[in-house]
C-alpha cells in the first residue's frame, strides 16, 4: 500500500515536472521563433563587431611589432 502510493506520488511529481518543462521549453521556443529576426540580427552584429575587434587587434599588434623592430634596428 505504502510503496504503491509512493510510486504514484513520484509518478505524479514527474508528470508535473515534465509538463512544466514542456511548457517552459515551448514558451522559450515560441519566443525564439517570434524574435528570430531580432536574434539573427543581434548575432550578425555581434559576429561583425567581434571580427572588427579581431581585425583591429591584429593590425595594431602588427603595427606595434613593426615599430618595435624599427626601434630595435636603430
Protein backbone atom coordinates (compact mmCIF):
# COMPACT_ATOMS: atom_id res chain seq x y z
CA UNK A 1 0.00 0.00 0.00
CA UNK A 2 2.68 2.47 1.09
CA UNK A 3 5.04 1.60 -1.78
CA UNK A 4 2.31 1.88 -4.41
CA UNK A 5 1.27 5.28 -3.01
CA UNK A 6 4.90 6.39 -3.07
CA UNK A 7 5.26 5.26 -6.69
CA UNK A 8 2.02 7.03 -7.57
CA UNK A 9 3.17 10.28 -5.92
CA UNK A 10 6.55 10.02 -7.61
CA UNK A 11 4.90 9.48 -10.97
CA UNK A 12 2.59 12.42 -10.34
CA UNK A 13 5.53 14.69 -9.47
CA UNK A 14 7.43 13.50 -12.54
CA UNK A 15 4.41 14.18 -14.75
CA UNK A 16 4.14 17.69 -13.32
CA UNK A 17 7.85 18.24 -13.89
CA UNK A 18 7.54 17.06 -17.49
CA UNK A 19 4.53 19.27 -18.23
CA UNK A 20 6.30 22.22 -16.60
CA UNK A 21 9.43 21.59 -18.66
CA UNK A 22 7.33 21.21 -21.80
CA UNK A 23 5.60 24.49 -21.07
CA UNK A 24 8.89 26.27 -20.40
CA UNK A 25 10.59 24.87 -23.47
CA UNK A 26 7.51 25.67 -25.53
CA UNK A 27 7.47 29.28 -24.40
CA UNK A 28 11.21 29.57 -24.99
CA UNK A 29 10.80 28.08 -28.46
CA UNK A 30 7.91 30.42 -29.29
CA UNK A 31 9.98 33.36 -28.03
CA UNK A 32 12.87 32.32 -30.27
CA UNK A 33 10.54 31.85 -33.23
CA UNK A 34 8.87 35.19 -32.65
CA UNK A 35 12.15 37.05 -32.24
CA UNK A 36 14.11 35.05 -34.80
CA UNK A 37 14.86 38.09 -36.95
CA UNK A 38 15.94 40.14 -33.94
CA UNK A 39 18.15 37.34 -32.63
CA UNK A 40 19.77 36.72 -36.01
CA UNK A 41 20.37 40.47 -36.33
CA UNK A 42 21.97 40.56 -32.87
CA UNK A 43 24.12 37.53 -33.74
CA UNK A 44 25.19 39.10 -37.04
CA UNK A 45 26.10 42.38 -35.35
CA UNK A 46 27.97 40.51 -32.61
CA UNK A 47 29.97 38.49 -35.12
CA UNK A 48 30.69 41.64 -37.15
CA UNK A 49 31.88 43.57 -34.09
CA UNK A 50 33.97 40.63 -32.94
CA UNK A 51 35.52 40.37 -36.40
CA UNK A 52 36.21 44.10 -36.42
CA UNK A 53 37.84 43.95 -32.99
CA UNK A 54 39.93 40.96 -34.04
CA UNK A 55 40.97 42.74 -37.25
CA UNK A 56 41.98 45.92 -35.42
CA UNK A 57 43.75 43.91 -32.74
CA UNK A 58 45.79 42.08 -35.40
CA UNK A 59 46.52 45.33 -37.25
CA UNK A 60 47.57 47.18 -34.11
CA UNK A 61 49.65 44.29 -32.75
CA UNK A 62 51.35 44.03 -36.15
CA UNK A 63 51.91 47.79 -36.11
CA UNK A 64 53.42 47.70 -32.62
CA UNK A 65 55.64 44.77 -33.55
CA UNK A 66 56.90 46.61 -36.64
CA UNK A 67 57.52 49.78 -34.58
CA UNK A 68 59.46 47.73 -32.03
CA UNK A 69 61.56 46.12 -34.76
CA UNK A 70 62.25 49.56 -36.26
CA UNK A 71 63.37 50.84 -32.84
CA UNK A 72 65.42 47.70 -32.30
CA UNK A 73 67.08 48.23 -35.68
CA UNK A 74 68.29 51.70 -34.72
